């Protein structure tokens, strides 16, 4: 029984470390964009992706920035020049938009 408890604890600790690293990655991407001058963020997320983005935004000082949340890439307004993805949606072909993946394993758009 102790072996099973040890394995459960180890898995939980691994999952928590991974969660923290994903949130830190999202936070670093958003903060880097903010420091580079971005003041408007269009974020596509749903479900767990949305929760991870919220965790990253909590406590992040993006003074003067506007954060717009969308549930699908198709909902993003035409004037957006960058879209931050925390969902595994297919990206529509829209010239002039930079797609920025926020989750591990996402491939940047060409």
C-alpha atoms as a PDB file:
ATOM      1  CA  UNK A   1       0.000   0.000   0.000  1.00  0.00           C
ATOM      2  CA  UNK A   2       2.866   2.391   0.765  1.00  0.00           C
ATOM      3  CA  UNK A   3       4.301   1.863  -2.737  1.00  0.00           C
ATOM      4  CA  UNK A   4       0.997   2.890  -4.322  1.00  0.00           C
ATOM      5  CA  UNK A   5       0.840   6.024  -2.142  1.00  0.00           C
ATOM      6  CA  UNK A   6       4.436   6.903  -3.059  1.00  0.00           C
ATOM      7  CA  UNK A   7       3.699   6.527  -6.782  1.00  0.00           C
ATOM      8  CA  UNK A   8       0.555   8.676  -6.446  1.00  0.00           C
ATOM      9  CA  UNK A   9       2.508  11.356  -4.620  1.00  0.00           C
ATOM     10  CA  UNK A  10       5.299  11.319  -7.211  1.00  0.00           C
ATOM     11  CA  UNK A  11       2.809  11.617 -10.068  1.00  0.00           C
ATOM     12  CA  UNK A  12       1.010  14.494  -8.324  1.00  0.00           C
ATOM     13  CA  UNK A  13       4.310  16.286  -7.735  1.00  0.00           C
ATOM     14  CA  UNK A  14       5.286  15.808 -11.402  1.00  0.00           C
ATOM     15  CA  UNK A  15       1.892  17.112 -12.592  1.00  0.00           C
ATOM     16  CA  UNK A  16       2.176  20.191 -10.366  1.00  0.00           C
ATOM     17  CA  UNK A  17       5.699  20.948 -11.622  1.00  0.00           C
ATOM     18  CA  UNK A  18       4.483  20.618 -15.210  1.00  0.00           C
ATOM     19  CA  UNK A  19       1.483  22.874 -14.539  1.00  0.00           C
ATOM     20  CA  UNK A  20       3.753  25.520 -13.005  1.00  0.00           C
ATOM     21  CA  UNK A  21       6.104  25.378 -15.994  1.00  0.00           C
ATOM     22  CA  UNK A  22       3.236  25.790 -18.491  1.00  0.00           C
ATOM     23  CA  UNK A  23       1.845  28.775 -16.556  1.00  0.00           C
ATOM     24  CA  UNK A  24       5.338  30.305 -16.360  1.00  0.00           C
ATOM     25  CA  UNK A  25       5.782  29.839 -20.118  1.00  0.00           C
ATOM     26  CA  UNK A  26       2.481  31.609 -20.837  1.00  0.00           C
ATOM     27  CA  UNK A  27       3.361  34.397 -18.400  1.00  0.00           C
ATOM     28  CA  UNK A  28       6.798  34.870 -19.986  1.00  0.00           C
ATOM     29  CA  UNK A  29       5.368  35.057 -23.508  1.00  0.00           C
ATOM     30  CA  UNK A  30       2.734  37.628 -22.528  1.00  0.00           C
ATOM     31  CA  UNK A  31       5.193  39.696 -20.472  1.00  0.00           C
ATOM     32  CA  UNK A  32       7.765  39.662 -23.263  1.00  0.00           C
ATOM     33  CA  UNK A  33       5.156  40.924 -25.737  1.00  0.00           C
ATOM     34  CA  UNK A  34       4.069  43.608 -23.262  1.00  0.00           C
ATOM     35  CA  UNK A  35       7.649  44.769 -22.708  1.00  0.00           C
ATOM     36  CA  UNK A  36       8.078  44.946 -26.494  1.00  0.00           C
ATOM     37  CA  UNK A  37       5.191  47.427 -26.619  1.00  0.00           C
ATOM     38  CA  UNK A  38       2.081  45.309 -27.177  1.00  0.00           C
ATOM     39  CA  UNK A  39      -0.952  46.732 -25.392  1.00  0.00           C
ATOM     40  CA  UNK A  40      -3.707  44.683 -27.013  1.00  0.00           C
ATOM     41  CA  UNK A  41      -3.856  40.927 -26.506  1.00  0.00           C
ATOM     42  CA  UNK A  42      -6.290  38.674 -28.376  1.00  0.00           C
ATOM     43  CA  UNK A  43      -6.276  35.291 -26.641  1.00  0.00           C
ATOM     44  CA  UNK A  44      -8.088  32.235 -27.988  1.00  0.00           C
ATOM     45  CA  UNK A  45      -8.744  29.731 -25.227  1.00  0.00           C
ATOM     46  CA  UNK A  46     -11.338  27.371 -23.824  1.00  0.00           C
ATOM     47  CA  UNK A  47     -11.662  24.994 -20.923  1.00  0.00           C
ATOM     48  CA  UNK A  48      -8.292  24.077 -19.372  1.00  0.00           C
ATOM     49  CA  UNK A  49      -6.401  26.383 -21.744  1.00  0.00           C
ATOM     50  CA  UNK A  50      -8.493  29.293 -20.492  1.00  0.00           C
ATOM     51  CA  UNK A  51      -7.792  28.345 -16.900  1.00  0.00           C
ATOM     52  CA  UNK A  52      -4.048  28.202 -17.565  1.00  0.00           C
ATOM     53  CA  UNK A  53      -4.141  31.636 -19.208  1.00  0.00           C
ATOM     54  CA  UNK A  54      -6.070  33.032 -16.233  1.00  0.00           C
ATOM     55  CA  UNK A  55      -3.499  31.574 -13.840  1.00  0.00           C
ATOM     56  CA  UNK A  56      -0.741  33.245 -15.877  1.00  0.00           C
ATOM     57  CA  UNK A  57      -2.541  36.601 -15.939  1.00  0.00           C
ATOM     58  CA  UNK A  58      -3.247  36.590 -12.202  1.00  0.00           C
ATOM     59  CA  UNK A  59      -0.685  38.815 -10.539  1.00  0.00           C
ATOM     60  CA  UNK A  60       0.809  39.952 -13.856  1.00  0.00           C
ATOM     61  CA  UNK A  61       1.023  43.737 -14.132  1.00  0.00           C
ATOM     62  CA  UNK A  62       0.093  44.664 -17.702  1.00  0.00           C
ATOM     63  CA  UNK A  63      -0.867  48.265 -16.960  1.00  0.00           C
ATOM     64  CA  UNK A  64      -2.699  49.920 -19.831  1.00  0.00           C
ATOM     65  CA  UNK A  65      -3.102  46.677 -21.752  1.00  0.00           C
ATOM     66  CA  UNK A  66      -6.413  45.319 -22.985  1.00  0.00           C
ATOM     67  CA  UNK A  67      -6.962  41.574 -22.946  1.00  0.00           C
ATOM     68  CA  UNK A  68      -9.638  40.208 -25.271  1.00  0.00           C
ATOM     69  CA  UNK A  69     -10.685  36.582 -24.932  1.00  0.00           C
ATOM     70  CA  UNK A  70     -12.142  34.575 -27.760  1.00  0.00           C
ATOM     71  CA  UNK A  71     -13.397  31.005 -27.869  1.00  0.00           C
ATOM     72  CA  UNK A  72     -12.335  30.417 -31.468  1.00  0.00           C
ATOM     73  CA  UNK A  73      -9.846  31.928 -33.932  1.00  0.00           C
ATOM     74  CA  UNK A  74     -12.743  32.933 -36.154  1.00  0.00           C
ATOM     75  CA  UNK A  75     -14.015  35.264 -33.410  1.00  0.00           C
ATOM     76  CA  UNK A  76     -10.861  37.399 -33.475  1.00  0.00           C
ATOM     77  CA  UNK A  77     -11.488  40.796 -35.106  1.00  0.00           C
ATOM     78  CA  UNK A  78      -9.874  41.547 -38.458  1.00  0.00           C
ATOM     79  CA  UNK A  79      -7.742  44.388 -37.047  1.00  0.00           C
ATOM     80  CA  UNK A  80      -5.795  42.050 -34.716  1.00  0.00           C
ATOM     81  CA  UNK A  81      -2.171  41.633 -35.772  1.00  0.00           C
ATOM     82  CA  UNK A  82      -1.331  38.880 -33.266  1.00  0.00           C
ATOM     83  CA  UNK A  83      -3.394  36.100 -31.721  1.00  0.00           C
ATOM     84  CA  UNK A  84      -2.264  34.139 -28.667  1.00  0.00           C
ATOM     85  CA  UNK A  85      -3.470  30.529 -28.810  1.00  0.00           C
ATOM     86  CA  UNK A  86      -4.254  28.401 -25.763  1.00  0.00           C
ATOM     87  CA  UNK A  87      -6.564  26.105 -27.714  1.00  0.00           C
ATOM     88  CA  UNK A  88      -5.930  23.464 -30.325  1.00  0.00           C
ATOM     89  CA  UNK A  89      -8.066  25.028 -33.029  1.00  0.00           C
ATOM     90  CA  UNK A  90      -7.180  25.094 -36.674  1.00  0.00           C
ATOM     91  CA  UNK A  91      -5.926  28.537 -37.570  1.00  0.00           C
ATOM     92  CA  UNK A  92      -7.796  30.292 -40.352  1.00  0.00           C
ATOM     93  CA  UNK A  93      -5.695  31.672 -43.172  1.00  0.00           C
ATOM     94  CA  UNK A  94      -5.545  35.379 -42.470  1.00  0.00           C
ATOM     95  CA  UNK A  95      -2.661  37.385 -43.885  1.00  0.00           C
ATOM     96  CA  UNK A  96      -0.988  39.802 -41.516  1.00  0.00           C
ATOM     97  CA  UNK A  97      -1.753  37.851 -38.326  1.00  0.00           C
ATOM     98  CA  UNK A  98       0.996  36.344 -36.214  1.00  0.00           C
ATOM     99  CA  UNK A  99      -0.202  33.236 -34.368  1.00  0.00           C
ATOM    100  CA  UNK A 100       1.564  32.805 -31.026  1.00  0.00           C
ATOM    101  CA  UNK A 101       1.161  29.370 -29.377  1.00  0.00           C
ATOM    102  CA  UNK A 102       0.958  29.495 -25.573  1.00  0.00           C
ATOM    103  CA  UNK A 103       0.799  25.781 -24.773  1.00  0.00           C
ATOM    104  CA  UNK A 104       3.650  23.261 -24.825  1.00  0.00           C
ATOM    105  CA  UNK A 105       3.753  21.202 -27.967  1.00  0.00           C
ATOM    106  CA  UNK A 106       2.049  23.785 -30.158  1.00  0.00           C
ATOM    107  CA  UNK A 107       3.899  24.455 -33.369  1.00  0.00           C
ATOM    108  CA  UNK A 108       4.254  28.081 -34.411  1.00  0.00           C
ATOM    109  CA  UNK A 109       2.452  28.974 -37.590  1.00  0.00           C
ATOM    110  CA  UNK A 110       4.666  29.371 -40.636  1.00  0.00           C
END
